[in-house]
């Protein structure tokens, strides 16, 4: 996963001394560009491991654009680090190549595991309920639950872990998901969505009673709630209505956070993709620019009125045969 572009990091602001301790991983490109700025601007630059929230800014250095982007985007440590795999040299031995390949994967996993502990430390320093803070808490909780089992897998299987996680993809923390694993999960979820949308075609658009009855199950499947095993059995997951309602409320709250924080334009590319995936959009077949446009349209529709109307709008969008 790519780092936050230098052009964005120039406009972000460090929020406290404790968060700035994570600035040691700033890239060479960011450092070179930042050297051209003033001392005050240099101190305002934050790195991928910096804070997800902003404290009350100093009146002399406050820049609304800086504050907005910081509060919308969680640190890059909540996402998988870049995976740099070696290129096979025809002249080199197979052993040397596979050794380098295994080493690259182990470096990736070590970085991902280290990021989980970094994020847990950042959680203890949160003071403001921003979107970035909410996502940091959600993703860290997700990863900590999976950490013990995944840690055992890494210790036992070592360089063969990438093969194991493809068989059990949901056991892996978000920070340790390799690109193939992410693609497999997205493909599986998209097939599940398409199957559920296909079933919607058998219910007439004017049959309000029937559509209301099947809505919770369809919303749950579209958002990836519950095991796909329930789909094969032809039944909805347990407590489907409560889970679907909770997921819809979360999406609406996130929509308003993005709108109030300055809009989709303030999100880094990786967060745009993840936000669209959360909203049941097919992210594999569309470019980031297309996804950014669709996310903006979604938020415009769901935040036109109050939150109650927003929840109705989310259900209405998800109940379409296709999400446009």
Foldseek 3Di string as FASTA:
>chain_A
DDWFDLVLQLLAAAADPVQCVPQPPDDPVNVVVLVPDDPRSNNGGGGLLGAQAHDDDDPVPDDLLNRLLSLAAARCLLAADDQDQDDDDPVDDPVVRLVSRLVSLLVRQVSNVVSLVSLVVSLVVDDDPGNNNVVSVVLSVLQVVLVVVLVVLCVVVRSCSVVVCCVVVSSHRRHNQDPVSVVVVLVVLLVQLLVLLVVLVVPDPPPVVVCVVCLLQNLCSLQVHDDCVCVVVVHGDPPSNVVSLVLLLVLLVSLVSQVVSPHLVSYGLVVLLVNVSNLSANSVVDDSVVSSVLSRVLSCCLVVDDNVSSSVSSSVQSSHSHRD
